[in-house]
Protein backbone atom coordinates (compact mmCIF):
# COMPACT_ATOMS: atom_id res chain seq x y z
CA MET A 1 0.00 0.00 0.00
CA ALA A 2 1.39 3.42 -0.91
CA THR A 3 2.01 5.87 1.92
CA THR A 4 0.85 9.13 0.36
CA GLY A 5 3.04 12.16 0.71
CA SER A 6 5.82 10.68 2.85
CA LYS A 7 8.70 12.99 3.76
CA PHE A 8 12.17 12.62 5.18
CA VAL A 9 11.88 13.22 8.92
CA TRP A 10 15.35 12.43 10.32
CA TYR A 11 18.99 12.21 9.24
CA GLU A 12 21.67 10.06 10.81
CA LEU A 13 25.43 10.04 10.43
CA MET A 14 27.28 6.75 10.66
CA THR A 15 30.89 7.65 11.43
CA THR A 16 34.11 6.51 13.09
CA ASP A 17 34.60 9.51 15.41
CA VAL A 18 31.43 11.09 16.79
CA ALA A 19 33.16 13.84 18.76
CA ALA A 20 35.24 14.96 15.77
CA ALA A 21 32.21 14.83 13.47
CA ALA A 22 30.17 16.89 15.95
CA LYS A 23 32.83 19.61 16.02
CA PHE A 24 33.14 19.64 12.23
CA TYR A 25 29.41 19.99 11.53
CA ALA A 26 28.94 22.50 14.36
CA ASP A 27 31.58 24.72 12.73
CA VAL A 28 30.35 24.26 9.16
CA ILE A 29 26.55 24.23 9.62
CA GLY A 30 26.12 25.92 12.98
CA TRP A 31 24.58 22.97 14.80
CA LYS A 32 24.67 22.56 18.58
CA ALA A 33 25.65 19.03 19.57
CA GLN A 34 24.45 17.24 22.69
CA LYS A 35 24.66 13.65 23.87
CA SER A 36 21.45 11.66 23.83
CA PRO A 37 19.96 11.00 27.29
CA MET A 38 18.98 7.46 26.26
CA PRO A 39 20.69 4.89 28.53
CA ASN A 40 23.12 2.33 27.12
CA MET A 41 23.41 4.23 23.86
CA ASP A 42 26.29 6.44 22.73
CA TYR A 43 24.39 8.76 20.42
CA MET A 44 24.94 12.43 19.55
CA LEU A 45 22.07 14.76 18.70
CA PHE A 46 22.46 17.79 16.41
CA ASN A 47 20.19 20.77 16.99
CA ALA A 48 19.34 23.68 14.70
CA GLY A 49 18.26 26.23 17.28
CA ALA A 50 15.89 24.39 19.61
CA THR A 51 14.96 21.73 17.03
CA GLN A 52 16.60 18.33 16.83
CA VAL A 53 17.52 17.78 13.19
CA ALA A 54 19.92 14.83 13.07
CA GLY A 55 21.94 12.33 15.05
CA ALA A 56 25.24 10.48 14.88
CA PHE A 57 26.69 7.24 16.18
CA ALA A 58 29.99 5.40 15.86
CA LEU A 59 30.18 2.34 13.65
CA SER A 60 31.35 -0.74 15.54
CA PRO A 61 34.47 -2.68 14.50
CA GLU A 62 32.13 -5.46 13.37
CA GLN A 63 30.12 -3.08 11.17
CA LEU A 64 33.30 -1.65 9.67
CA GLY A 65 34.59 -5.18 9.08
CA HIS A 66 31.46 -5.94 7.07
CA GLY A 67 32.04 -2.87 4.90
CA ALA A 68 29.58 -0.43 6.47
CA PRO A 69 30.34 2.99 4.97
CA LYS A 70 30.81 6.30 6.74
CA ALA A 71 27.65 7.94 5.45
CA TRP A 72 24.52 9.99 6.07
CA VAL A 73 21.23 8.05 6.08
CA GLY A 74 17.80 9.64 5.65
CA TYR A 75 14.69 8.36 7.46
CA VAL A 76 11.38 8.49 5.57
CA GLY A 77 8.33 8.83 7.80
CA VAL A 78 5.63 6.21 7.20
CA PRO A 79 2.35 5.37 9.01
CA ASN A 80 3.28 1.69 9.47
CA VAL A 81 6.92 0.55 9.27
CA ASP A 82 6.12 -3.17 9.05
CA ARG A 83 3.73 -2.68 6.14
CA ALA A 84 6.09 -0.27 4.37
CA ALA A 85 9.01 -2.69 4.77
CA ALA A 86 6.95 -5.55 3.37
CA ASP A 87 5.81 -3.43 0.41
CA LEU A 88 9.37 -2.30 -0.26
CA LYS A 89 10.64 -5.90 -0.25
CA ALA A 90 7.83 -7.00 -2.56
CA ALA A 91 8.84 -4.23 -4.99
CA GLY A 92 12.44 -5.46 -5.13
CA GLY A 93 14.03 -3.53 -2.26
CA GLN A 94 16.01 -5.03 0.63
CA VAL A 95 15.33 -4.92 4.37
CA TRP A 96 18.67 -5.02 6.18
CA ARG A 97 17.60 -4.48 9.78
CA GLY A 98 14.25 -4.47 11.57
CA PRO A 99 11.50 -3.56 11.71
CA ASP A 100 12.43 -2.89 15.33
CA ASP A 101 11.59 -0.51 18.16
CA ILE A 102 13.69 2.17 19.82
CA SER A 103 12.13 2.56 23.25
CA GLY A 104 10.28 5.84 23.59
CA VAL A 105 11.43 7.00 20.14
CA GLY A 106 9.68 4.96 17.48
CA ARG A 107 9.85 1.99 15.12
CA PHE A 108 12.31 1.78 12.24
CA ALA A 109 13.78 -0.42 9.52
CA MET A 110 17.04 -0.01 7.62
CA VAL A 111 16.43 -0.69 3.94
CA SER A 112 17.66 -0.07 0.41
CA ASP A 113 15.94 0.42 -2.92
CA PRO A 114 16.27 -2.17 -5.73
CA GLN A 115 19.34 -0.38 -7.10
CA GLY A 116 21.13 -0.37 -3.73
CA ALA A 117 20.66 3.15 -2.32
CA ALA A 118 20.27 2.89 1.46
CA PHE A 119 17.75 4.74 3.60
CA ALA A 120 15.45 4.03 6.55
CA LEU A 121 11.75 3.81 7.33
CA PHE A 122 10.48 5.43 10.52
CA ASN A 123 7.32 5.91 12.57
CA SER A 124 7.59 8.14 15.61
CA ALA A 125 6.37 7.12 19.05
CA ARG A 126 5.65 10.83 19.61
CA PRO A 127 3.73 11.93 16.49
CA GLU A 128 2.32 14.92 18.38
CA GLU A 129 5.78 16.50 18.18
CA GLY A 130 5.50 16.67 14.40
CA SER A 131 8.27 16.42 11.84
CA PRO A 132 11.54 18.24 12.47
CA ALA A 133 12.17 18.56 8.74
CA ASP A 134 11.87 22.23 7.74
CA VAL A 135 13.38 22.62 4.28
CA GLY A 136 13.64 26.41 4.49
CA LYS A 137 15.48 27.09 7.75
CA PRO A 138 19.26 27.22 8.43
CA GLY A 139 20.61 23.95 9.78
CA HIS A 140 17.82 21.86 8.26
CA VAL A 141 17.96 19.77 5.10
CA GLY A 142 16.93 21.87 2.13
CA TRP A 143 17.22 19.26 -0.63
CA HIS A 144 17.39 15.48 -1.05
CA GLU A 145 19.24 14.06 -4.05
CA LEU A 146 19.31 10.47 -5.22
CA TYR A 147 22.18 9.28 -7.39
CA ALA A 148 20.52 6.17 -8.80
CA GLY A 149 21.78 3.34 -10.98
CA ASP A 150 19.03 4.40 -13.37
CA GLY A 151 17.15 7.58 -12.56
CA ALA A 152 13.94 6.88 -14.50
CA SER A 153 13.27 3.48 -12.99
CA ALA A 154 14.29 4.72 -9.52
CA PHE A 155 11.42 7.21 -9.47
CA ASP A 156 9.07 4.46 -10.62
CA PHE A 157 10.03 2.52 -7.48
CA TYR A 158 9.70 5.36 -4.97
CA ALA A 159 6.47 6.89 -6.28
CA PRO A 160 4.10 4.06 -5.28
CA GLN A 161 5.99 3.39 -2.06
CA PHE A 162 5.75 6.93 -0.70
CA GLY A 163 3.22 8.79 -2.82
CA TRP A 164 5.87 11.00 -4.42
CA VAL A 165 4.97 13.01 -7.51
CA LYS A 166 7.03 14.46 -10.32
CA GLY A 167 7.90 18.11 -10.67
CA ASP A 168 10.01 19.59 -13.46
CA ALA A 169 12.65 17.51 -15.23
CA MET A 170 15.88 19.07 -16.46
CA ASP A 171 17.90 17.70 -19.36
CA MET A 172 21.49 17.19 -18.22
CA GLY A 173 22.86 15.99 -21.56
CA ALA A 174 24.91 12.82 -21.29
CA ALA A 175 23.89 12.48 -17.62
CA GLY A 176 20.23 12.15 -18.64
CA LYS A 177 17.32 13.82 -16.87
CA TYR A 178 17.25 15.34 -13.42
CA GLN A 179 13.78 14.54 -12.10
CA ILE A 180 12.50 16.81 -9.34
CA PHE A 181 10.05 15.17 -6.92
CA GLY A 182 7.99 15.89 -3.84
CA PRO A 183 5.26 14.56 -1.56
CA ALA A 184 2.62 16.68 -3.33
CA ALA A 185 2.24 18.95 -6.34
CA GLY A 186 3.86 22.27 -5.57
CA THR A 187 5.95 20.87 -2.72
CA MET A 188 9.25 19.70 -4.15
CA ILE A 189 11.91 18.33 -1.82
CA GLY A 190 14.55 16.76 -4.05
CA GLY A 191 15.81 15.39 -7.32
CA ILE A 192 16.68 12.01 -8.83
CA MET A 193 19.35 11.41 -11.45
CA THR A 194 21.46 8.57 -12.83
CA LYS A 195 24.75 8.45 -10.94
CA PRO A 196 28.03 9.21 -12.73
CA ALA A 197 30.05 6.17 -13.76
CA GLN A 198 32.85 6.96 -11.29
CA MET A 199 30.45 6.78 -8.34
CA ALA A 200 30.75 3.27 -6.91
CA VAL A 201 27.19 2.67 -5.67
CA PRO A 202 23.83 4.46 -5.77
CA ALA A 203 23.29 6.73 -2.76
CA TRP A 204 21.26 9.56 -1.29
CA LEU A 205 22.92 12.95 -0.73
CA PHE A 206 21.50 15.54 1.66
CA TYR A 207 21.92 19.32 1.33
CA PHE A 208 22.09 21.20 4.63
CA ASN A 209 21.00 24.85 4.62
CA VAL A 210 23.63 27.42 5.57
CA PRO A 211 23.30 31.23 5.58
CA SER A 212 26.37 31.68 3.37
CA ILE A 213 28.13 29.23 1.08
CA GLU A 214 31.05 31.64 0.86
CA ALA A 215 31.54 31.49 4.63
CA ALA A 216 31.05 27.73 4.87
CA VAL A 217 33.62 26.60 2.29
CA PRO A 218 36.72 27.73 4.25
CA LYS A 219 35.30 26.00 7.35
CA ILE A 220 35.04 22.70 5.45
CA LYS A 221 38.72 22.95 4.53
CA SER A 222 40.01 24.22 7.88
CA GLY A 223 38.02 21.51 9.68
CA GLY A 224 39.77 18.72 7.77
CA GLY A 225 37.06 18.07 5.20
CA GLN A 226 37.24 18.25 1.43
CA VAL A 227 35.30 20.22 -1.18
CA ALA A 228 34.36 17.64 -3.81
CA ASN A 229 32.46 19.99 -6.12
CA GLY A 230 31.52 23.67 -6.21
CA PRO A 231 30.57 26.20 -5.12
CA MET A 232 28.21 26.46 -8.09
CA GLU A 233 24.98 28.34 -8.75
CA VAL A 234 21.77 26.37 -9.32
CA PRO A 235 18.36 27.43 -10.66
CA GLY A 236 16.60 29.76 -8.25
CA GLY A 237 19.71 31.71 -7.31
CA GLN A 238 20.96 29.38 -4.58
CA TRP A 239 24.53 28.12 -4.43
CA ILE A 240 25.63 24.59 -3.56
CA VAL A 241 28.80 22.81 -2.59
CA ARG A 242 29.35 19.08 -2.21
CA GLY A 243 31.83 17.94 0.40
CA ILE A 244 33.38 15.05 2.28
CA ASP A 245 33.75 15.26 6.05
CA PRO A 246 37.02 14.32 7.82
CA GLN A 247 35.83 10.75 8.43
CA GLY A 248 34.79 10.22 4.79
CA ALA A 249 31.01 10.79 4.75
CA HIS A 250 29.62 12.73 1.80
CA PHE A 251 27.35 15.72 2.43
CA ALA A 252 26.27 18.91 0.67
CA LEU A 253 25.39 22.49 1.55
CA THR A 254 22.97 24.93 0.00
CA GLY A 255 22.62 28.64 0.63
CA ALA A 256 23.17 32.16 -0.64
CA LYS A 257 26.59 33.17 -1.85
């Protein structure tokens, strides 16, 4: 069953050094970091103002030994995680962990689409708190980009799963089409494209809002990260930069110049 209009509601960094990652993103994005109060769990929370936006945890030696990447993972909010996981699997996706509960937080499953891009399904135990995802404010995620094995068929998978609809599509020449999508007409939250050949596996990339791209770029470099691409201007007058944090996770920024 499709879950109409689903949005990304949480973002999680899998890393090898939580303290170093917290300092890096606090400097670059302006987040405030605080340790989670949950017992028996070493988890860092990132706040944009008073709003919790994302979290981070350290990959275990076992996870690293099995090839788990340093990466950002996005959580898509769904009404029923078990049903969504079953539907995803029936459509050719993979369920890697769960569905399972996090006490007092919600129910989740770690999954991937049929082409291998990883993400998570989530249903909050506290729905009255609403979604923390505000695409317009500093420190929040302003854009979600999927680098798919094949962009056209990737959208065909996600649309019935989450009720996503197409917006404009831009011709990118040899790279094919860049398909903008959202949970409803007039509410666009991201784009889907076929990944470049040099990119090893399909993956989601998340663009964090910053007040100034010009101010953020030197902080990426001085903090030990790398600028992989940009800054460059995109339609609408915003500027973007794609980067790699000091532990190797890919991320992106969007903002004014």
